[in-house]
Amino acid sequence: MFFSRKKLTFEKAAKFNYELDTNEKLKTALKNLSLRRGEMSRKSYLTELLALFNEEGFDLSLKELDMLLLLRKKTDQMLLEQADLRKGGQNE
């Protein structure tokens, strides 16, 4: 059986970040899911997590979700480092 690989595009990453930042329905659902995490198996949690994104128009695999979350984390780290550098330069 042949499985085609989907590429993670800039557009998909941008839409993912935009939805995480602005979609109140998604943010509330993710918060509620995280509050139930202790009551669920890892598989159930991940299945529901992917379902939440699918409801918002994403067709993500677990691997793609991991990559998008890692990319978001790295981007946040870079932005924080830049902000810290600017603050440090202002104090001199």
PDB file of N, CA and C in Angstrom:
ATOM      1  N   MET A   1       0.844  -1.174   0.000  1.00  0.00           N
ATOM      2  CA  MET A   1       0.000   0.000   0.000  1.00  0.00           C
ATOM      3  C   MET A   1       0.890   1.238   0.000  1.00  0.00           C
ATOM      4  N   PHE A   2       0.559   2.215  -0.811  1.00  0.00           N
ATOM      5  CA  PHE A   2       1.357   3.430  -0.950  1.00  0.00           C
ATOM      6  C   PHE A   2       0.674   4.578  -0.227  1.00  0.00           C
ATOM      7  N   PHE A   3       1.426   5.258   0.633  1.00  0.00           N
ATOM      8  CA  PHE A   3       0.915   6.426   1.337  1.00  0.00           C
ATOM      9  C   PHE A   3       1.639   7.652   0.816  1.00  0.00           C
ATOM     10  N   SER A   4       0.892   8.633   0.386  1.00  0.00           N
ATOM     11  CA  SER A   4       1.540   9.850  -0.092  1.00  0.00           C
ATOM     12  C   SER A   4       1.904  10.730   1.095  1.00  0.00           C
ATOM     13  N   ARG A   5       3.040  11.382   0.995  1.00  0.00           N
ATOM     14  CA  ARG A   5       3.489  12.287   2.042  1.00  0.00           C
ATOM     15  C   ARG A   5       3.004  13.686   1.723  1.00  0.00           C
ATOM     16  N   LYS A   6       2.402  14.307   2.716  1.00  0.00           N
ATOM     17  CA  LYS A   6       1.991  15.687   2.547  1.00  0.00           C
ATOM     18  C   LYS A   6       3.120  16.580   3.016  1.00  0.00           C
ATOM     19  N   LYS A   7       3.353  17.640   2.270  1.00  0.00           N
ATOM     20  CA  LYS A   7       4.374  18.586   2.673  1.00  0.00           C
ATOM     21  C   LYS A   7       3.772  19.585   3.646  1.00  0.00           C
ATOM     22  N   LEU A   8       4.578  19.972   4.598  1.00  0.00           N
ATOM     23  CA  LEU A   8       4.193  21.016   5.524  1.00  0.00           C
ATOM     24  C   LEU A   8       4.559  22.342   4.868  1.00  0.00           C
ATOM     25  N   THR A   9       3.570  23.091   4.458  1.00  0.00           N
ATOM     26  CA  THR A   9       3.805  24.324   3.720  1.00  0.00           C
ATOM     27  C   THR A   9       3.788  25.527   4.646  1.00  0.00           C
ATOM     28  N   PHE A  10       4.336  26.622   4.153  1.00  0.00           N
ATOM     29  CA  PHE A  10       4.308  27.872   4.901  1.00  0.00           C
ATOM     30  C   PHE A  10       2.861  28.282   5.173  1.00  0.00           C
ATOM     31  N   GLU A  11       1.997  28.107   4.177  1.00  0.00           N
ATOM     32  CA  GLU A  11       0.594  28.486   4.331  1.00  0.00           C
ATOM     33  C   GLU A  11      -0.074  27.705   5.458  1.00  0.00           C
ATOM     34  N   LYS A  12       0.231  26.407   5.530  1.00  0.00           N
ATOM     35  CA  LYS A  12      -0.356  25.571   6.585  1.00  0.00           C
ATOM     36  C   LYS A  12       0.167  26.004   7.956  1.00  0.00           C
ATOM     37  N   ALA A  13       1.451  26.295   8.042  1.00  0.00           N
ATOM     38  CA  ALA A  13       2.033  26.748   9.309  1.00  0.00           C
ATOM     39  C   ALA A  13       1.449  28.100   9.719  1.00  0.00           C
ATOM     40  N   ALA A  14       1.295  29.000   8.759  1.00  0.00           N
ATOM     41  CA  ALA A  14       0.734  30.317   9.067  1.00  0.00           C
ATOM     42  C   ALA A  14      -0.719  30.194   9.514  1.00  0.00           C
ATOM     43  N   LYS A  15      -1.498  29.370   8.833  1.00  0.00           N
ATOM     44  CA  LYS A  15      -2.903  29.172   9.210  1.00  0.00           C
ATOM     45  C   LYS A  15      -2.995  28.538  10.601  1.00  0.00           C
ATOM     46  N   PHE A  16      -2.137  27.585  10.875  1.00  0.00           N
ATOM     47  CA  PHE A  16      -2.109  26.925  12.177  1.00  0.00           C
ATOM     48  C   PHE A  16      -1.851  27.949  13.282  1.00  0.00           C
ATOM     49  N   ASN A  17      -0.832  28.775  13.101  1.00  0.00           N
ATOM     50  CA  ASN A  17      -0.508  29.788  14.100  1.00  0.00           C
ATOM     51  C   ASN A  17      -1.630  30.814  14.242  1.00  0.00           C
ATOM     52  N   TYR A  18      -2.195  31.225  13.130  1.00  0.00           N
ATOM     53  CA  TYR A  18      -3.294  32.194  13.173  1.00  0.00           C
ATOM     54  C   TYR A  18      -4.477  31.622  13.953  1.00  0.00           C
ATOM     55  N   GLU A  19      -4.840  30.392  13.673  1.00  0.00           N
ATOM     56  CA  GLU A  19      -5.969  29.771  14.362  1.00  0.00           C
ATOM     57  C   GLU A  19      -5.685  29.616  15.856  1.00  0.00           C
ATOM     58  N   LEU A  20      -4.470  29.214  16.210  1.00  0.00           N
ATOM     59  CA  LEU A  20      -4.135  29.073  17.625  1.00  0.00           C
ATOM     60  C   LEU A  20      -4.194  30.412  18.350  1.00  0.00           C
ATOM     61  N   ASP A  21      -3.866  31.478  17.660  1.00  0.00           N
ATOM     62  CA  ASP A  21      -3.844  32.801  18.285  1.00  0.00           C
ATOM     63  C   ASP A  21      -5.201  33.487  18.310  1.00  0.00           C
ATOM     64  N   THR A  22      -6.063  33.207  17.348  1.00  0.00           N
ATOM     65  CA  THR A  22      -7.286  34.009  17.204  1.00  0.00           C
ATOM     66  C   THR A  22      -8.593  33.237  17.346  1.00  0.00           C
ATOM     67  N   ASN A  23      -8.576  31.935  17.169  1.00  0.00           N
ATOM     68  CA  ASN A  23      -9.807  31.153  17.156  1.00  0.00           C
ATOM     69  C   ASN A  23     -10.212  30.810  18.595  1.00  0.00           C
ATOM     70  N   GLU A  24     -11.154  31.591  19.119  1.00  0.00           N
ATOM     71  CA  GLU A  24     -11.567  31.413  20.515  1.00  0.00           C
ATOM     72  C   GLU A  24     -12.225  30.047  20.757  1.00  0.00           C
ATOM     73  N   LYS A  25     -12.980  29.574  19.779  1.00  0.00           N
ATOM     74  CA  LYS A  25     -13.610  28.260  19.908  1.00  0.00           C
ATOM     75  C   LYS A  25     -12.541  27.175  20.058  1.00  0.00           C
ATOM     76  N   LEU A  26     -11.512  27.239  19.220  1.00  0.00           N
ATOM     77  CA  LEU A  26     -10.426  26.263  19.273  1.00  0.00           C
ATOM     78  C   LEU A  26      -9.646  26.391  20.578  1.00  0.00           C
ATOM     79  N   LYS A  27      -9.347  27.623  20.988  1.00  0.00           N
ATOM     80  CA  LYS A  27      -8.599  27.823  22.236  1.00  0.00           C
ATOM     81  C   LYS A  27      -9.363  27.263  23.429  1.00  0.00           C
ATOM     82  N   THR A  28     -10.668  27.484  23.462  1.00  0.00           N
ATOM     83  CA  THR A  28     -11.488  26.957  24.559  1.00  0.00           C
ATOM     84  C   THR A  28     -11.518  25.434  24.536  1.00  0.00           C
ATOM     85  N   ALA A  29     -11.690  24.865  23.360  1.00  0.00           N
ATOM     86  CA  ALA A  29     -11.725  23.402  23.235  1.00  0.00           C
ATOM     87  C   ALA A  29     -10.390  22.787  23.641  1.00  0.00           C
ATOM     88  N   LEU A  30      -9.276  23.409  23.248  1.00  0.00           N
ATOM     89  CA  LEU A  30      -7.958  22.902  23.625  1.00  0.00           C
ATOM     90  C   LEU A  30      -7.741  23.005  25.135  1.00  0.00           C
ATOM     91  N   LYS A  31      -8.199  24.093  25.720  1.00  0.00           N
ATOM     92  CA  LYS A  31      -8.074  24.257  27.168  1.00  0.00           C
ATOM     93  C   LYS A  31      -8.882  23.185  27.895  1.00  0.00           C
ATOM     94  N   ASN A  32     -10.121  22.973  27.450  1.00  0.00           N
ATOM     95  CA  ASN A  32     -10.970  21.954  28.073  1.00  0.00           C
ATOM     96  C   ASN A  32     -10.376  20.554  27.913  1.00  0.00           C
ATOM     97  N   LEU A  33      -9.792  20.289  26.762  1.00  0.00           N
ATOM     98  CA  LEU A  33      -9.145  18.999  26.544  1.00  0.00           C
ATOM     99  C   LEU A  33      -7.956  18.839  27.484  1.00  0.00           C
ATOM    100  N   SER A  34      -7.167  19.881  27.627  1.00  0.00           N
ATOM    101  CA  SER A  34      -5.992  19.777  28.506  1.00  0.00           C
ATOM    102  C   SER A  34      -6.395  19.563  29.963  1.00  0.00           C
ATOM    103  N   LEU A  35      -7.541  20.113  30.356  1.00  0.00           N
ATOM    104  CA  LEU A  35      -8.021  19.917  31.726  1.00  0.00           C
ATOM    105  C   LEU A  35      -8.451  18.471  31.981  1.00  0.00           C
ATOM    106  N   ARG A  36      -8.824  17.759  30.918  1.00  0.00           N
ATOM    107  CA  ARG A  36      -9.235  16.356  31.045  1.00  0.00           C
ATOM    108  C   ARG A  36      -8.087  15.378  30.818  1.00  0.00           C
ATOM    109  N   ARG A  37      -6.910  15.876  30.538  1.00  0.00           N
ATOM    110  CA  ARG A  37      -5.764  15.042  30.151  1.00  0.00           C
ATOM    111  C   ARG A  37      -5.486  13.925  31.153  1.00  0.00           C
ATOM    112  N   GLY A  38      -5.597  14.207  32.436  1.00  0.00           N
ATOM    113  CA  GLY A  38      -5.304  13.200  33.448  1.00  0.00           C
ATOM    114  C   GLY A  38      -6.274  12.036  33.459  1.00  0.00           C
ATOM    115  N   GLU A  39      -7.440  12.217  32.864  1.00  0.00           N
ATOM    116  CA  GLU A  39      -8.478  11.186  32.840  1.00  0.00           C
ATOM    117  C   GLU A  39      -8.431  10.332  31.574  1.00  0.00           C
ATOM    118  N   MET A  40      -7.503  10.642  30.667  1.00  0.00           N
ATOM    119  CA  MET A  40      -7.512  10.013  29.351  1.00  0.00           C
ATOM    120  C   MET A  40      -6.219   9.253  29.094  1.00  0.00           C
ATOM    121  N   SER A  41      -6.315   8.266  28.219  1.00  0.00           N
ATOM    122  CA  SER A  41      -5.099   7.617  27.749  1.00  0.00           C
ATOM    123  C   SER A  41      -4.416   8.558  26.759  1.00  0.00           C
ATOM    124  N   ARG A  42      -3.152   8.317  26.518  1.00  0.00           N
ATOM    125  CA  ARG A  42      -2.408   9.146  25.567  1.00  0.00           C
ATOM    126  C   ARG A  42      -3.049   9.069  24.182  1.00  0.00           C
ATOM    127  N   LYS A  43      -3.446   7.875  23.794  1.00  0.00           N
ATOM    128  CA  LYS A  43      -4.054   7.680  22.473  1.00  0.00           C
ATOM    129  C   LYS A  43      -5.373   8.456  22.354  1.00  0.00           C
ATOM    130  N   SER A  44      -6.204   8.399  23.381  1.00  0.00           N
ATOM    131  CA  SER A  44      -7.476   9.135  23.361  1.00  0.00           C
ATOM    132  C   SER A  44      -7.243  10.635  23.296  1.00  0.00           C
ATOM    133  N   TYR A  45      -6.271  11.099  24.079  1.00  0.00           N
ATOM    134  CA  TYR A  45      -5.950  12.523  24.099  1.00  0.00           C
ATOM    135  C   TYR A  45      -5.509  12.992  22.709  1.00  0.00           C
ATOM    136  N   LEU A  46      -4.586  12.264  22.107  1.00  0.00           N
ATOM    137  CA  LEU A  46      -4.084  12.653  20.794  1.00  0.00           C
ATOM    138  C   LEU A  46      -5.160  12.557  19.725  1.00  0.00           C
ATOM    139  N   THR A  47      -6.021  11.553  19.820  1.00  0.00           N
ATOM    140  CA  THR A  47      -7.124  11.411  18.866  1.00  0.00           C
ATOM    141  C   THR A  47      -8.065  12.611  18.961  1.00  0.00           C
ATOM    142  N   GLU A  48      -8.407  13.003  20.176  1.00  0.00           N
ATOM    143  CA  GLU A  48      -9.289  14.167  20.358  1.00  0.00           C
ATOM    144  C   GLU A  48      -8.608  15.461  19.936  1.00  0.00           C
ATOM    145  N   LEU A  49      -7.314  15.558  20.207  1.00  0.00           N
ATOM    146  CA  LEU A  49      -6.561  16.743  19.809  1.00  0.00           C
ATOM    147  C   LEU A  49      -6.594  16.914  18.292  1.00  0.00           C
ATOM    148  N   LEU A  50      -6.311  15.841  17.572  1.00  0.00           N
ATOM    149  CA  LEU A  50      -6.358  15.899  16.108  1.00  0.00           C
ATOM    150  C   LEU A  50      -7.769  16.194  15.616  1.00  0.00           C
ATOM    151  N   ALA A  51      -8.777  15.642  16.279  1.00  0.00           N
ATOM    152  CA  ALA A  51     -10.174  15.890  15.892  1.00  0.00           C
ATOM    153  C   ALA A  51     -10.525  17.363  16.035  1.00  0.00           C
ATOM    154  N   LEU A  52     -10.033  18.014  17.082  1.00  0.00           N
ATOM    155  CA  LEU A  52     -10.300  19.446  17.265  1.00  0.00           C
ATOM    156  C   LEU A  52      -9.744  20.259  16.104  1.00  0.00           C
ATOM    157  N   PHE A  53      -8.538  19.935  15.693  1.00  0.00           N
ATOM    158  CA  PHE A  53      -7.962  20.654  14.560  1.00  0.00           C
ATOM    159  C   PHE A  53      -8.690  20.316  13.262  1.00  0.00           C
ATOM    160  N   ASN A  54      -9.098  19.063  13.106  1.00  0.00           N
ATOM    161  CA  ASN A  54      -9.846  18.685  11.906  1.00  0.00           C
ATOM    162  C   ASN A  54     -11.171  19.430  11.813  1.00  0.00           C
ATOM    163  N   GLU A  55     -11.818  19.648  12.960  1.00  0.00           N
ATOM    164  CA  GLU A  55     -13.078  20.406  12.975  1.00  0.00           C
ATOM    165  C   GLU A  55     -12.885  21.839  12.491  1.00  0.00           C
ATOM    166  N   GLU A  56     -11.683  22.355  12.640  1.00  0.00           N
ATOM    167  CA  GLU A  56     -11.380  23.724  12.220  1.00  0.00           C
ATOM    168  C   GLU A  56     -10.757  23.794  10.828  1.00  0.00           C
ATOM    169  N   GLY A  57     -10.847  22.694  10.093  1.00  0.00           N
ATOM    170  CA  GLY A  57     -10.410  22.706   8.703  1.00  0.00           C
ATOM    171  C   GLY A  57      -8.999  22.208   8.451  1.00  0.00           C
ATOM    172  N   PHE A  58      -8.350  21.647   9.452  1.00  0.00           N
ATOM    173  CA  PHE A  58      -7.021  21.089   9.277  1.00  0.00           C
ATOM    174  C   PHE A  58      -7.130  19.597   9.045  1.00  0.00           C
ATOM    175  N   ASP A  59      -6.342  19.104   8.124  1.00  0.00           N
ATOM    176  CA  ASP A  59      -6.228  17.664   7.902  1.00  0.00           C
ATOM    177  C   ASP A  59      -4.809  17.300   8.287  1.00  0.00           C
ATOM    178  N   LEU A  60      -4.594  17.084   9.587  1.00  0.00           N
ATOM    179  CA  LEU A  60      -3.256  16.881  10.117  1.00  0.00           C
ATOM    180  C   LEU A  60      -3.023  15.450  10.566  1.00  0.00           C
ATOM    181  N   SER A  61      -1.820  14.996  10.348  1.00  0.00           N
ATOM    182  CA  SER A  61      -1.374  13.754  10.965  1.00  0.00           C
ATOM    183  C   SER A  61      -0.706  14.134  12.281  1.00  0.00           C
ATOM    184  N   LEU A  62      -0.460  13.162  13.108  1.00  0.00           N
ATOM    185  CA  LEU A  62       0.214  13.425  14.375  1.00  0.00           C
ATOM    186  C   LEU A  62       1.619  13.978  14.132  1.00  0.00           C
ATOM    187  N   LYS A  63       2.286  13.459  13.127  1.00  0.00           N
ATOM    188  CA  LYS A  63       3.632  13.943  12.802  1.00  0.00           C
ATOM    189  C   LYS A  63       3.591  15.410  12.369  1.00  0.00           C
ATOM    190  N   GLU A  64       2.611  15.767  11.554  1.00  0.00           N
ATOM    191  CA  GLU A  64       2.486  17.160  11.124  1.00  0.00           C
ATOM    192  C   GLU A  64       2.185  18.072  12.315  1.00  0.00           C
ATOM    193  N   LEU A  65       1.309  17.613  13.199  1.00  0.00           N
ATOM    194  CA  LEU A  65       0.990  18.403  14.386  1.00  0.00           C
ATOM    195  C   LEU A  65       2.237  18.613  15.226  1.00  0.00           C
ATOM    196  N   ASP A  66       3.021  17.565  15.432  1.00  0.00           N
ATOM    197  CA  ASP A  66       4.273  17.689  16.182  1.00  0.00           C
ATOM    198  C   ASP A  66       5.203  18.710  15.528  1.00  0.00           C
ATOM    199  N   MET A  67       5.307  18.656  14.217  1.00  0.00           N
ATOM    200  CA  MET A  67       6.190  19.581  13.499  1.00  0.00           C
ATOM    201  C   MET A  67       5.691  21.015  13.612  1.00  0.00           C
ATOM    202  N   LEU A  68       4.381  21.211  13.498  1.00  0.00           N
ATOM    203  CA  LEU A  68       3.815  22.559  13.612  1.00  0.00           C
ATOM    204  C   LEU A  68       4.006  23.132  15.015  1.00  0.00           C
ATOM    205  N   LEU A  69       3.822  22.296  16.022  1.00  0.00           N
ATOM    206  CA  LEU A  69       4.016  22.758  17.398  1.00  0.00           C
ATOM    207  C   LEU A  69       5.484  23.081  17.668  1.00  0.00           C
ATOM    208  N   LEU A  70       6.390  22.264  17.139  1.00  0.00           N
ATOM    209  CA  LEU A  70       7.814  22.529  17.306  1.00  0.00           C
ATOM    210  C   LEU A  70       8.209  23.820  16.597  1.00  0.00           C
ATOM    211  N   LEU A  71       7.707  24.011  15.392  1.00  0.00           N
ATOM    212  CA  LEU A  71       7.988  25.237  14.644  1.00  0.00           C
ATOM    213  C   LEU A  71       7.466  26.459  15.394  1.00  0.00           C
ATOM    214  N   ARG A  72       6.274  26.346  15.965  1.00  0.00           N
ATOM    215  CA  ARG A  72       5.698  27.459  16.735  1.00  0.00           C
ATOM    216  C   ARG A  72       6.561  27.757  17.962  1.00  0.00           C
ATOM    217  N   LYS A  73       7.006  26.725  18.637  1.00  0.00           N
ATOM    218  CA  LYS A  73       7.844  26.907  19.830  1.00  0.00           C
ATOM    219  C   LYS A  73       9.157  27.587  19.462  1.00  0.00           C
ATOM    220  N   LYS A  74       9.792  27.122  18.396  1.00  0.00           N
ATOM    221  CA  LYS A  74      11.063  27.709  17.959  1.00  0.00           C
ATOM    222  C   LYS A  74      10.882  29.167  17.538  1.00  0.00           C
ATOM    223  N   THR A  75       9.800  29.460  16.850  1.00  0.00           N
ATOM    224  CA  THR A  75       9.524  30.836  16.433  1.00  0.00           C
ATOM    225  C   THR A  75       9.328  31.726  17.652  1.00  0.00           C
ATOM    226  N   ASP A  76       8.567  31.253  18.629  1.00  0.00           N
ATOM    227  CA  ASP A  76       8.370  32.015  19.865  1.00  0.00           C
ATOM    228  C   ASP A  76       9.699  32.269  20.566  1.00  0.00           C
ATOM    229  N   GLN A  77      10.564  31.260  20.615  1.00  0.00           N
ATOM    230  CA  GLN A  77      11.873  31.417  21.255  1.00  0.00           C
ATOM    231  C   GLN A  77      12.706  32.480  20.543  1.00  0.00           C
ATOM    232  N   MET A  78      12.697  32.464  19.216  1.00  0.00           N
ATOM    233  CA  MET A  78      13.460  33.456  18.459  1.00  0.00           C
ATOM    234  C   MET A  78      12.919  34.856  18.688  1.00  0.00           C
ATOM    235  N   LEU A  79      11.603  34.992  18.716  1.00  0.00           N
ATOM    236  CA  LEU A  79      11.007  36.305  18.948  1.00  0.00           C
ATOM    237  C   LEU A  79      11.328  36.818  20.344  1.00  0.00           C
ATOM    238  N   LEU A  80      11.309  35.940  21.334  1.00  0.00           N
ATOM    239  CA  LEU A  80      11.658  36.336  22.697  1.00  0.00           C
ATOM    240  C   LEU A  80      13.122  36.748  22.793  1.00  0.00           C
ATOM    241  N   GLU A  81      13.996  36.026  22.110  1.00  0.00           N
ATOM    242  CA  GLU A  81      15.419  36.374  22.106  1.00  0.00           C
ATOM    243  C   GLU A  81      15.637  37.746  21.478  1.00  0.00           C
ATOM    244  N   GLN A  82      14.930  38.025  20.376  1.00  0.00           N
ATOM    245  CA  GLN A  82      15.057  39.324  19.725  1.00  0.00           C
ATOM    246  C   GLN A  82      14.548  40.435  20.634  1.00  0.00           C
ATOM    247  N   ALA A  83      13.435  40.186  21.324  1.00  0.00           N
ATOM    248  CA  ALA A  83      12.886  41.182  22.238  1.00  0.00           C
ATOM    249  C   ALA A  83      13.857  41.439  23.384  1.00  0.00           C
ATOM    250  N   ASP A  84      14.472  40.375  23.897  1.00  0.00           N
ATOM    251  CA  ASP A  84      15.447  40.525  24.977  1.00  0.00           C
ATOM    252  C   ASP A  84      16.664  41.318  24.515  1.00  0.00           C
ATOM    253  N   LEU A  85      17.118  41.074  23.283  1.00  0.00           N
ATOM    254  CA  LEU A  85      18.255  41.806  22.743  1.00  0.00           C
ATOM    255  C   LEU A  85      17.932  43.291  22.599  1.00  0.00           C
ATOM    256  N   ARG A  86      16.734  43.601  22.146  1.00  0.00           N
ATOM    257  CA  ARG A  86      16.322  45.008  22.009  1.00  0.00           C
ATOM    258  C   ARG A  86      16.256  45.675  23.382  1.00  0.00           C
ATOM    259  N   LYS A  87      15.710  44.976  24.361  1.00  0.00           N
ATOM    260  CA  LYS A  87      15.639  45.529  25.709  1.00  0.00           C
ATOM    261  C   LYS A  87      17.024  45.760  26.277  1.00  0.00           C
ATOM    262  N   GLY A  88      17.917  44.806  26.044  1.00  0.00           N
ATOM    263  CA  GLY A  88      19.291  44.939  26.534  1.00  0.00           C
ATOM    264  C   GLY A  88      19.997  46.121  25.907  1.00  0.00           C
ATOM    265  N   GLY A  89      19.741  46.375  24.648  1.00  0.00           N
ATOM    266  CA  GLY A  89      20.356  47.498  23.945  1.00  0.00           C
ATOM    267  C   GLY A  89      19.832  48.841  24.418  1.00  0.00           C
ATOM    268  N   GLN A  90      18.594  48.874  24.908  1.00  0.00           N
ATOM    269  CA  GLN A  90      18.009  50.117  25.385  1.00  0.00           C
ATOM    270  C   GLN A  90      18.553  50.498  26.746  1.00  0.00           C
ATOM    271  N   ASN A  91      19.010  49.510  27.521  1.00  0.00           N
ATOM    272  CA  ASN A  91      19.476  49.776  28.879  1.00  0.00           C
ATOM    273  C   ASN A  91      20.915  50.295  28.896  1.00  0.00           C
ATOM    274  N   GLU A  92      21.598  50.244  27.764  1.00  0.00           N
ATOM    275  CA  GLU A  92      23.014  50.661  27.744  1.00  0.00           C
ATOM    276  C   GLU A  92      23.141  52.145  27.562  1.00  0.00           C
TER     277      GLU A  92
END
